Structure formats: structure tokens, C-alpha cells
N, C-alpha and C. Protein backbone atom coordinates (compact mmCIF):
# COMPACT_ATOMS: atom_id res chain seq x y z
N MET A 1 -120.74 105.75 89.34
CA MET A 1 -120.32 104.71 89.44
C MET A 1 -118.76 104.74 89.95
N ARG A 2 -118.76 104.02 90.81
CA ARG A 2 -117.73 103.88 91.44
C ARG A 2 -117.50 102.11 91.06
N PRO A 3 -116.58 102.25 90.51
CA PRO A 3 -115.14 101.07 90.74
C PRO A 3 -115.79 99.97 91.09
N SER A 4 -115.54 98.45 91.08
CA SER A 4 -115.78 97.68 91.74
C SER A 4 -114.83 96.66 92.36
N ILE A 5 -114.43 95.50 92.63
CA ILE A 5 -113.35 95.22 93.35
C ILE A 5 -113.48 94.23 92.83
N MET A 6 -114.70 93.45 91.22
CA MET A 6 -114.23 92.52 91.41
C MET A 6 -112.98 91.57 90.54
N ASP A 7 -112.33 90.69 90.14
CA ASP A 7 -111.49 90.32 89.53
C ASP A 7 -112.06 90.01 88.08
N ARG A 8 -112.56 89.47 88.06
CA ARG A 8 -113.69 88.45 86.54
C ARG A 8 -115.18 88.68 86.96
N LEU A 9 -115.18 89.24 85.77
CA LEU A 9 -116.54 89.37 85.28
C LEU A 9 -117.64 89.03 84.24
N LEU A 10 -118.86 88.53 83.91
CA LEU A 10 -119.38 88.17 83.23
C LEU A 10 -120.50 88.51 82.54
N VAL A 11 -120.82 89.09 81.32
CA VAL A 11 -122.07 89.54 80.77
C VAL A 11 -122.11 88.79 79.07
N ASP A 12 -123.42 88.59 79.73
CA ASP A 12 -124.57 88.18 77.95
C ASP A 12 -125.04 89.17 76.84
N VAL A 13 -124.76 89.15 76.47
CA VAL A 13 -124.48 89.64 75.05
C VAL A 13 -125.86 89.47 73.78
N GLN A 14 -126.41 87.79 74.10
CA GLN A 14 -126.76 87.46 73.51
C GLN A 14 -127.71 88.26 73.02
N ASP A 15 -128.46 88.15 71.43
CA ASP A 15 -129.30 88.74 70.78
C ASP A 15 -128.89 90.37 70.98
N MET A 16 -128.58 90.71 71.21
CA MET A 16 -128.23 92.12 71.10
C MET A 16 -127.86 93.14 69.93
N LEU A 17 -127.88 94.16 68.90
CA LEU A 17 -127.27 95.19 68.27
C LEU A 17 -125.62 95.06 68.86
N CYS A 18 -124.99 95.29 67.56
CA CYS A 18 -123.76 96.12 67.98
C CYS A 18 -123.55 97.24 69.16
N ALA A 19 -124.38 98.21 68.71
CA ALA A 19 -124.39 99.09 69.62
C ALA A 19 -124.63 99.10 71.49
N GLN A 20 -125.34 98.33 71.49
CA GLN A 20 -126.45 97.83 72.38
C GLN A 20 -124.89 97.22 72.85
N ALA A 21 -124.49 95.84 72.93
CA ALA A 21 -123.71 94.66 72.99
C ALA A 21 -121.50 95.97 73.79
N LEU A 22 -121.44 96.94 72.87
CA LEU A 22 -120.90 97.87 72.90
C LEU A 22 -120.98 98.34 74.49
N ALA A 23 -122.35 98.41 74.83
CA ALA A 23 -122.48 100.04 75.58
C ALA A 23 -122.19 99.03 77.23
N VAL A 24 -122.97 98.28 77.12
CA VAL A 24 -122.84 97.02 77.81
C VAL A 24 -121.41 96.46 78.00
N VAL A 25 -120.74 96.39 76.91
CA VAL A 25 -118.98 95.50 77.23
C VAL A 25 -118.34 96.89 77.52
N GLY A 26 -118.57 98.09 77.35
CA GLY A 26 -117.82 99.41 78.15
C GLY A 26 -118.01 99.18 79.60
N THR A 27 -118.95 99.37 79.44
CA THR A 27 -119.89 99.67 81.21
C THR A 27 -119.07 98.43 82.60
N ALA A 28 -119.44 97.35 81.62
CA ALA A 28 -118.34 96.68 82.64
C ALA A 28 -117.26 96.19 82.58
N MET A 29 -115.78 96.53 81.48
CA MET A 29 -114.85 97.41 82.17
C MET A 29 -114.65 98.44 82.69
N ARG A 30 -115.07 99.32 82.41
CA ARG A 30 -115.23 99.91 83.48
C ARG A 30 -115.12 99.86 85.16
N ARG A 31 -115.81 98.78 85.11
CA ARG A 31 -116.16 98.22 86.71
C ARG A 31 -114.91 97.50 87.27
N LEU A 32 -113.82 96.85 85.91
CA LEU A 32 -112.91 96.19 86.74
C LEU A 32 -112.12 96.65 87.38
N VAL A 33 -111.44 95.80 87.90
CA VAL A 33 -109.36 96.42 88.65
C VAL A 33 -108.45 96.27 87.23
N PRO A 34 -107.46 96.52 87.44
CA PRO A 34 -106.37 96.42 86.22
C PRO A 34 -106.33 95.03 86.82
N GLY A 35 -105.77 94.41 85.62
CA GLY A 35 -105.38 92.85 85.22
C GLY A 35 -106.59 92.15 85.80
N SER A 36 -107.90 92.27 86.03
CA SER A 36 -109.16 91.76 85.90
C SER A 36 -109.40 91.26 84.93
N HIS A 37 -109.95 90.19 84.16
CA HIS A 37 -110.98 89.70 83.08
C HIS A 37 -112.85 90.07 83.17
N LEU A 38 -112.84 90.23 81.69
CA LEU A 38 -114.63 90.21 81.24
C LEU A 38 -114.85 89.10 80.51
N VAL A 39 -115.44 87.78 80.84
CA VAL A 39 -116.40 87.13 80.04
C VAL A 39 -117.45 87.46 79.70
N VAL A 40 -117.62 88.12 77.95
CA VAL A 40 -118.25 88.06 77.02
C VAL A 40 -118.58 86.92 76.07
N ARG A 41 -120.15 86.69 76.74
CA ARG A 41 -120.70 85.23 76.06
C ARG A 41 -121.61 86.20 74.72
N TYR A 42 -121.09 85.96 73.34
CA TYR A 42 -122.23 86.89 72.51
C TYR A 42 -122.94 85.38 71.04
N ASN A 43 -123.54 85.67 69.88
CA ASN A 43 -123.73 84.85 69.14
C ASN A 43 -124.41 85.25 68.10
N SER A 44 -123.49 86.53 67.64
CA SER A 44 -123.20 87.38 66.44
C SER A 44 -122.19 87.29 65.92
N ASP A 45 -121.63 87.29 64.79
CA ASP A 45 -120.50 87.42 64.60
C ASP A 45 -120.47 88.81 64.50
N ASP A 46 -121.55 89.23 63.62
CA ASP A 46 -121.53 91.24 64.28
C ASP A 46 -120.49 91.61 65.48
N VAL A 47 -120.81 91.59 66.12
CA VAL A 47 -121.03 91.33 67.51
C VAL A 47 -120.19 91.03 68.46
N ARG A 48 -118.93 90.06 67.96
CA ARG A 48 -117.44 89.20 67.89
C ARG A 48 -116.99 90.52 67.09
N ARG A 49 -116.69 90.49 65.95
CA ARG A 49 -115.71 91.90 65.59
C ARG A 49 -115.45 92.95 66.04
N ASP A 50 -116.77 93.64 66.51
CA ASP A 50 -116.95 95.03 66.77
C ASP A 50 -116.23 94.47 69.05
N ILE A 51 -116.54 93.68 68.93
CA ILE A 51 -116.20 93.87 70.68
C ILE A 51 -114.91 94.19 70.62
N LEU A 52 -114.02 92.87 69.73
CA LEU A 52 -112.32 93.00 69.11
C LEU A 52 -112.11 93.75 69.37
N SER A 53 -112.44 93.95 67.79
CA SER A 53 -111.67 95.92 67.38
C SER A 53 -111.90 96.93 68.74
N TRP A 54 -112.81 97.30 69.42
CA TRP A 54 -112.78 98.30 70.68
C TRP A 54 -112.37 97.39 71.35
N ALA A 55 -111.84 95.92 71.71
CA ALA A 55 -111.12 96.49 73.36
C ALA A 55 -110.08 95.82 72.70
N ARG A 56 -108.91 96.09 71.39
CA ARG A 56 -107.41 96.52 70.61
C ARG A 56 -107.71 97.93 70.64
N ASP A 57 -108.65 97.66 70.70
CA ASP A 57 -108.43 100.16 70.17
C ASP A 57 -107.97 100.38 71.77
N GLN A 58 -108.99 100.19 72.31
CA GLN A 58 -108.83 100.06 74.24
C GLN A 58 -107.59 100.16 74.50
N GLY A 59 -106.89 98.91 74.33
CA GLY A 59 -105.58 98.31 75.02
C GLY A 59 -105.61 96.80 75.52
N HIS A 60 -107.09 96.54 75.05
CA HIS A 60 -106.97 94.98 76.47
C HIS A 60 -106.22 93.83 75.37
N ARG A 61 -105.73 93.24 76.30
CA ARG A 61 -105.44 91.59 75.58
C ARG A 61 -106.86 91.04 75.34
N VAL A 62 -106.67 90.07 74.42
CA VAL A 62 -108.32 89.73 74.28
C VAL A 62 -108.02 87.87 74.26
N SER A 63 -108.69 87.04 74.60
CA SER A 63 -108.38 86.00 73.88
C SER A 63 -109.84 85.34 73.93
N GLU A 64 -109.39 84.64 72.69
CA GLU A 64 -110.93 83.54 72.78
C GLU A 64 -110.76 82.16 72.67
N PRO A 65 -111.69 81.74 74.38
CA PRO A 65 -111.05 80.37 74.71
C PRO A 65 -111.62 79.48 74.69
N ALA A 66 -113.31 80.11 74.58
CA ALA A 66 -114.56 78.63 73.53
C ALA A 66 -114.93 79.51 72.34
N PRO A 67 -115.74 78.86 72.01
CA PRO A 67 -116.63 79.46 70.48
C PRO A 67 -118.25 79.82 71.51
N HIS A 68 -117.82 81.05 70.66
CA HIS A 68 -118.91 81.58 71.71
C HIS A 68 -118.86 82.79 72.71
N ALA A 69 -117.28 83.41 73.16
CA ALA A 69 -117.04 83.91 74.43
C ALA A 69 -115.61 84.77 74.34
N ILE A 70 -115.82 86.38 74.79
CA ILE A 70 -114.24 86.31 74.75
C ILE A 70 -114.13 86.95 75.42
N HIS A 71 -112.43 86.53 76.07
CA HIS A 71 -112.29 87.34 77.24
C HIS A 71 -111.57 88.84 77.36
N LEU A 72 -111.69 89.94 77.72
CA LEU A 72 -111.42 90.90 77.51
C LEU A 72 -110.37 91.48 79.04
N HIS A 73 -109.69 91.24 79.20
CA HIS A 73 -108.31 91.60 79.90
C HIS A 73 -108.08 92.94 80.15
N SER A 74 -108.20 93.54 81.26
CA SER A 74 -108.30 94.56 81.25
C SER A 74 -107.07 94.71 81.68
N SER A 75 -107.00 96.57 80.70
CA SER A 75 -105.71 97.38 80.62
C SER A 75 -105.57 98.01 81.89
N GLY A 76 -106.29 98.87 82.62
CA GLY A 76 -106.18 99.07 83.90
C GLY A 76 -106.30 100.51 83.43
N THR A 77 -106.94 101.07 82.09
CA THR A 77 -106.78 102.34 82.07
C THR A 77 -108.34 102.73 82.57
N GLY A 78 -109.14 101.79 82.97
CA GLY A 78 -110.40 102.52 82.95
C GLY A 78 -111.01 103.01 81.78
N THR A 79 -110.48 102.45 81.14
CA THR A 79 -111.82 102.31 79.53
C THR A 79 -113.13 101.09 79.33
């Protein structure tokens, strides 16, 4: 898969299991250019917790600007 030039991407992982949500988020993050961000919509506390943990482990900055939304800011590592 070729990286894109998107600076912002939205993924909806509502009603997904944790492993499914992490797979979608990981794939989306690899498509971003350094300095861009991913908006993740979710509706499960377990999914939220796993995404936040994964993102911090990968070195991405995280913000939660609204309920059921996480912004992941690409670290530029390609992960």
C-alpha cells in the first residue's frame, strides 16, 4: 500500500471489537504523512482504552476533543 498525502483522515470504529478497531486504526495511521492526524469515532470504552494505549506506545500524540472521538497525531514513524 502506498502512503497518501492526506493531512487528516476519519475512521469510524463504532461497534467493532478491539482487535478489529486497532487493525483499522493502524492501517489508517500508516497512510498519513508526518504531522497529520487521524480522527477516530468509537462507542466502546474498551476500544477507547486500547486505541489510547496503542497510540501512546507508538509515540503518537493523542487528544480527545469531543465525546467518542480521539485525534491521533502522526509521529511520522510510519506505524
